[in-house]
Amino acid sequence: MAFTISDELLGTFVPILVYWLYSGLYVVLGSFDKLDNYRLHSRIDEDEKNLVSKGDVVKGVLLQQVFQAIVAILLFAVTGNGAGAEANQQSSPIAIARQFVIAMLVMDTWQYFMHRYMHHNKFLYRHIHSLHHRLVVPYAFGALYNHPIEGLLNDTIGGALSFLVSGMSPRVSIFFFSFATIKTVDDHCGLWLPGNLFHVFFKNNTAYHDIHHQLYGSKYNFAQPFFVMWDRILGTYMPYSLEKRPDGGFEALATKDYNQTKDYKDN
């Protein structure tokens, strides 16, 4: 008898595997000296400015992924075959594309408002969200380094809502959540490589999110992981320019006036 793995299990664990494979690719690329000219921060900054060790980041991400896997398995069990059967009846490319777009919009909306609230609520920021901002200089495998509560509220629930509202099947979810994982890792990779299609097609990209990780940008560019619509609509969009650093590489610099002192105090 042939051994088969269900779409539900694949939808649970493939995005986790994709996370480590794609972030591992960036670790390898970041080890090449020739690519230092495409870094948004120097290697020295990555080592000295961050407030958490890479070992602790790995352990934190693995913990969050355990919670995500448990919730995903429970979600697939609760929705059962009915939801999957209904979605499979609409398996045309157009239907799948529509499900992707709906899921992207739902995820963006949930994560924007949750992310913004965690910055403006002083208790939540200090005790929960500030954990992620220990990475002042983001890198790829730190993309999901969060407090477990934030991982549950922001990423896990956001993903569950995207799955349910879009009506996608477990099989389609494998591709959607793998894509969302790749995009999230890319936003934190710290490299501005030529030909990166995410930089071409998305305003919400590595440099855009890097602005948010800097202290002066902590009340701007909340959008994640796809579009910047809510930042633009609600006035939290901070444009930036990419400038060459004298010592090599790029630097994302804000081009909007802001009250720097207020931003520091609010955090």
Protein backbone atom coordinates (compact mmCIF):
# COMPACT_ATOMS: atom_id res chain seq x y z
CA MET A 1 0.00 0.00 0.00
CA ALA A 2 1.38 3.39 -1.00
CA PHE A 3 2.08 5.81 1.80
CA THR A 4 0.35 9.16 1.36
CA ILE A 5 0.50 12.37 3.34
CA SER A 6 -2.70 14.36 3.66
CA ASP A 7 -3.02 17.92 2.37
CA GLU A 8 -3.77 18.96 5.95
CA LEU A 9 -0.40 17.71 7.18
CA LEU A 10 1.38 19.25 4.22
CA GLY A 11 -0.40 22.54 4.83
CA THR A 12 0.79 22.44 8.42
CA PHE A 13 4.44 21.50 7.99
CA VAL A 14 5.50 22.56 4.48
CA PRO A 15 5.45 26.31 5.37
CA ILE A 16 7.67 25.54 8.38
CA LEU A 17 10.13 23.68 6.16
CA VAL A 18 9.99 26.51 3.62
CA TYR A 19 10.78 29.01 6.38
CA TRP A 20 14.05 27.33 7.30
CA LEU A 21 15.06 26.53 3.73
CA TYR A 22 14.46 30.06 2.46
CA SER A 23 16.00 31.78 5.47
CA GLY A 24 18.92 29.34 5.24
CA LEU A 25 19.44 30.45 1.65
CA TYR A 26 19.81 34.02 2.87
CA VAL A 27 22.25 32.91 5.56
CA VAL A 28 24.40 31.35 2.85
CA LEU A 29 24.12 34.42 0.60
CA GLY A 30 24.97 36.70 3.51
CA SER A 31 28.21 34.82 4.09
CA PHE A 32 29.66 35.95 0.75
CA ASP A 33 31.82 39.06 1.07
CA LYS A 34 30.86 40.20 -2.43
CA LEU A 35 27.25 40.60 -1.31
CA ASP A 36 28.15 43.03 1.46
CA ASN A 37 27.48 45.78 -1.09
CA TYR A 38 23.80 44.80 -1.01
CA ARG A 39 23.33 44.80 2.77
CA LEU A 40 21.06 47.33 4.44
CA HIS A 41 23.21 47.04 7.57
CA SER A 42 26.78 45.93 8.04
CA ARG A 43 27.68 42.58 9.59
CA ILE A 44 29.10 44.47 12.56
CA ASP A 45 25.74 46.21 13.12
CA GLU A 46 23.96 42.86 12.93
CA ASP A 47 26.16 41.50 15.69
CA GLU A 48 26.39 44.59 17.91
CA LYS A 49 23.03 46.37 17.66
CA ASN A 50 20.71 43.41 18.15
CA LEU A 51 19.65 42.72 21.72
CA VAL A 52 19.14 38.97 21.43
CA SER A 53 21.46 36.14 20.42
CA LYS A 54 20.87 34.13 17.27
CA GLY A 55 20.56 30.98 19.35
CA ASP A 56 17.68 32.49 21.33
CA VAL A 57 16.06 33.63 18.07
CA VAL A 58 16.13 30.08 16.70
CA LYS A 59 14.58 28.71 19.90
CA GLY A 60 11.91 31.45 19.88
CA VAL A 61 10.95 30.78 16.27
CA LEU A 62 10.74 27.02 16.84
CA LEU A 63 8.47 27.59 19.83
CA GLN A 64 6.15 29.76 17.76
CA GLN A 65 6.08 27.21 14.96
CA VAL A 66 5.03 24.50 17.41
CA PHE A 67 2.04 26.64 18.41
CA GLN A 68 1.24 27.35 14.76
CA ALA A 69 1.33 23.65 13.89
CA ILE A 70 -1.01 22.77 16.76
CA VAL A 71 -3.51 25.47 15.76
CA ALA A 72 -3.33 24.46 12.09
CA ILE A 73 -4.02 20.80 12.89
CA LEU A 74 -6.96 21.79 15.09
CA LEU A 75 -8.28 24.15 12.41
CA PHE A 76 -8.18 21.49 9.71
CA ALA A 77 -9.87 19.03 12.08
CA VAL A 78 -12.68 21.46 12.90
CA THR A 79 -13.33 22.53 9.30
CA GLY A 80 -13.26 18.88 8.22
CA ASN A 81 -13.78 17.61 4.71
CA GLY A 82 -16.75 19.87 4.04
CA ALA A 83 -14.76 23.04 3.64
CA GLY A 84 -12.16 21.28 1.53
CA ALA A 85 -14.78 19.69 -0.73
CA GLU A 86 -16.49 23.03 -1.31
CA ALA A 87 -13.18 24.69 -2.18
CA ASN A 88 -12.15 21.87 -4.49
CA GLN A 89 -15.28 22.50 -6.56
CA GLN A 90 -13.77 25.88 -7.42
CA SER A 91 -10.27 24.75 -8.35
CA SER A 92 -9.91 26.78 -11.53
CA PRO A 93 -6.91 29.13 -11.74
CA ILE A 94 -9.24 32.13 -11.50
CA ALA A 95 -10.91 30.78 -8.35
CA ILE A 96 -7.55 30.02 -6.75
CA ALA A 97 -6.23 33.49 -7.66
CA ARG A 98 -9.34 35.04 -6.09
CA GLN A 99 -8.79 33.00 -2.92
CA PHE A 100 -5.16 34.15 -2.80
CA VAL A 101 -6.14 37.81 -3.11
CA ILE A 102 -8.86 37.53 -0.46
CA ALA A 103 -6.50 35.70 1.90
CA MET A 104 -3.80 38.34 1.35
CA LEU A 105 -6.22 41.18 2.10
CA VAL A 106 -7.61 39.47 5.20
CA MET A 107 -4.13 38.70 6.54
CA ASP A 108 -2.90 42.24 5.85
CA THR A 109 -5.91 43.81 7.52
CA TRP A 110 -5.72 41.67 10.64
CA GLN A 111 -1.97 42.02 11.04
CA TYR A 112 -1.92 45.78 10.39
CA PHE A 113 -4.40 46.62 13.13
CA MET A 114 -3.03 44.06 15.57
CA HIS A 115 0.54 45.16 14.90
CA ARG A 116 -0.36 48.84 15.24
CA TYR A 117 -2.23 48.26 18.49
CA MET A 118 0.75 46.43 19.97
CA HIS A 119 2.86 49.50 19.31
CA HIS A 120 0.39 52.01 20.73
CA ASN A 121 -0.57 50.02 23.81
CA LYS A 122 2.39 50.57 26.13
CA PHE A 123 1.78 47.41 28.15
CA LEU A 124 1.57 45.17 25.08
CA TYR A 125 4.62 46.78 23.53
CA ARG A 126 6.84 46.54 26.59
CA HIS A 127 5.85 43.03 27.59
CA ILE A 128 5.08 41.37 24.24
CA HIS A 129 5.90 43.12 20.97
CA SER A 130 9.22 44.63 22.08
CA LEU A 131 10.62 41.09 21.92
CA HIS A 132 10.50 41.22 18.12
CA HIS A 133 12.13 44.66 18.12
CA ARG A 134 15.16 43.33 19.91
CA LEU A 135 16.17 42.71 16.32
CA VAL A 136 17.08 46.29 15.46
CA VAL A 137 18.94 44.87 12.46
CA PRO A 138 16.58 42.24 11.02
CA TYR A 139 17.81 39.04 9.42
CA ALA A 140 15.98 36.29 7.58
CA PHE A 141 15.46 33.57 10.20
CA GLY A 142 14.39 36.18 12.75
CA ALA A 143 11.23 36.96 10.77
CA LEU A 144 9.01 34.96 13.14
CA TYR A 145 10.88 35.78 16.31
CA ASN A 146 8.01 36.98 18.49
CA HIS A 147 6.56 36.55 21.93
CA PRO A 148 4.39 33.38 21.85
CA ILE A 149 1.28 35.47 22.63
CA GLU A 150 1.99 37.77 19.70
CA GLY A 151 2.63 34.78 17.47
CA LEU A 152 -0.78 33.42 18.43
CA LEU A 153 -2.71 36.70 18.15
CA ASN A 154 -1.02 38.15 15.10
CA ASP A 155 0.34 35.39 12.87
CA THR A 156 -1.61 32.27 13.82
CA ILE A 157 -5.07 33.83 14.11
CA GLY A 158 -4.38 36.02 11.09
CA GLY A 159 -3.52 32.92 9.08
CA ALA A 160 -6.58 31.05 10.31
CA LEU A 161 -8.87 33.92 9.33
CA SER A 162 -7.25 34.09 5.90
CA PHE A 163 -7.89 30.40 5.39
CA LEU A 164 -11.50 30.50 6.57
CA VAL A 165 -12.64 33.73 4.87
CA SER A 166 -11.03 32.91 1.52
CA GLY A 167 -12.57 29.44 1.48
CA MET A 168 -9.40 27.84 0.18
CA SER A 169 -8.86 24.11 0.43
CA PRO A 170 -6.07 22.55 2.50
CA ARG A 171 -4.20 21.89 -0.76
CA VAL A 172 -4.35 25.53 -1.84
CA SER A 173 -3.33 26.57 1.67
CA ILE A 174 -0.02 24.73 1.22
CA PHE A 175 0.91 27.15 -1.54
CA PHE A 176 -0.58 30.27 0.04
CA PHE A 177 1.08 29.89 3.43
CA SER A 178 4.37 28.89 1.81
CA PHE A 179 4.18 32.06 -0.28
CA ALA A 180 3.32 34.18 2.77
CA THR A 181 6.22 32.60 4.65
CA ILE A 182 8.68 33.36 1.85
CA LYS A 183 7.44 36.96 1.68
CA THR A 184 7.79 37.43 5.45
CA VAL A 185 11.31 36.01 5.48
CA ASP A 186 12.26 38.20 2.52
CA ASP A 187 11.01 41.32 4.31
CA HIS A 188 13.45 40.62 7.14
CA CYS A 189 16.42 39.39 5.11
CA GLY A 190 18.41 42.64 5.27
CA LEU A 191 19.64 42.30 1.68
CA TRP A 192 18.64 44.47 -1.28
CA LEU A 193 19.58 42.10 -4.06
CA PRO A 194 19.15 43.09 -7.73
CA GLY A 195 16.39 41.24 -9.51
CA ASN A 196 14.42 40.41 -6.37
CA LEU A 197 10.85 40.23 -7.67
CA PHE A 198 9.40 41.07 -4.24
CA HIS A 199 11.15 44.43 -4.48
CA VAL A 200 9.74 44.96 -7.96
CA PHE A 201 6.10 44.03 -7.33
CA PHE A 202 5.61 44.97 -3.66
CA LYS A 203 6.04 48.38 -2.01
CA ASN A 204 6.04 46.46 1.26
CA ASN A 205 9.51 44.98 1.01
CA THR A 206 12.85 44.59 2.78
CA ALA A 207 13.68 48.31 2.93
CA TYR A 208 10.10 49.32 3.80
CA HIS A 209 10.05 47.02 6.80
CA ASP A 210 13.60 47.93 7.78
CA ILE A 211 12.38 51.51 8.36
CA HIS A 212 9.86 50.14 10.87
CA HIS A 213 12.59 48.32 12.80
CA GLN A 214 14.48 51.56 13.39
CA LEU A 215 13.48 53.62 16.43
CA TYR A 216 12.40 56.64 14.40
CA GLY A 217 10.12 54.46 12.27
CA SER A 218 8.50 52.41 15.01
CA LYS A 219 5.16 54.24 14.63
CA TYR A 220 5.16 53.89 10.84
CA ASN A 221 5.08 51.16 8.20
CA PHE A 222 3.03 48.71 10.25
CA ALA A 223 1.82 46.89 7.13
CA GLN A 224 2.75 43.24 6.75
CA PRO A 225 3.28 41.10 4.86
CA PHE A 226 1.95 42.12 1.44
CA PHE A 227 0.49 45.56 0.77
CA VAL A 228 0.86 49.09 2.16
CA MET A 229 -2.76 50.18 1.73
CA TRP A 230 -3.60 50.56 5.42
CA ASP A 231 -0.45 52.58 6.09
CA ARG A 232 -1.40 54.94 3.26
CA ILE A 233 -5.08 55.19 4.21
CA LEU A 234 -4.44 55.81 7.91
CA GLY A 235 -1.40 58.06 7.64
CA THR A 236 1.26 55.69 8.98
CA TYR A 237 3.13 55.39 5.68
CA MET A 238 6.75 56.56 5.85
CA PRO A 239 8.44 56.78 2.44
CA TYR A 240 12.13 56.11 2.21
CA SER A 241 15.12 56.43 -0.06
CA LEU A 242 17.94 53.97 -0.54
CA GLU A 243 21.35 55.58 -0.16
CA LYS A 244 24.81 54.11 -0.60
CA ARG A 245 26.81 53.80 2.62
CA PRO A 246 30.41 55.04 2.50
CA ASP A 247 31.61 51.67 3.82
CA GLY A 248 29.57 49.72 1.26
CA GLY A 249 26.00 48.54 1.01
CA PHE A 250 22.74 50.45 1.22
CA GLU A 251 20.89 52.33 3.91
CA ALA A 252 17.12 52.91 3.97
CA LEU A 253 16.52 56.50 5.07
CA ALA A 254 13.13 58.03 5.90
CA THR A 255 12.06 60.93 3.70
CA LYS A 256 9.09 62.05 5.82
CA ASP A 257 9.20 64.53 8.70
CA TYR A 258 8.50 62.96 12.06
CA ASN A 259 8.69 63.82 15.74
CA GLN A 260 11.62 61.64 16.73
CA THR A 261 11.48 62.50 20.42
CA LYS A 262 7.80 61.60 20.64
CA ASP A 263 8.36 58.26 18.92
CA TYR A 264 11.00 57.28 21.46
CA LYS A 265 8.83 58.32 24.43
CA ASP A 266 5.77 56.50 23.12
CA ASN A 267 7.66 53.22 23.16
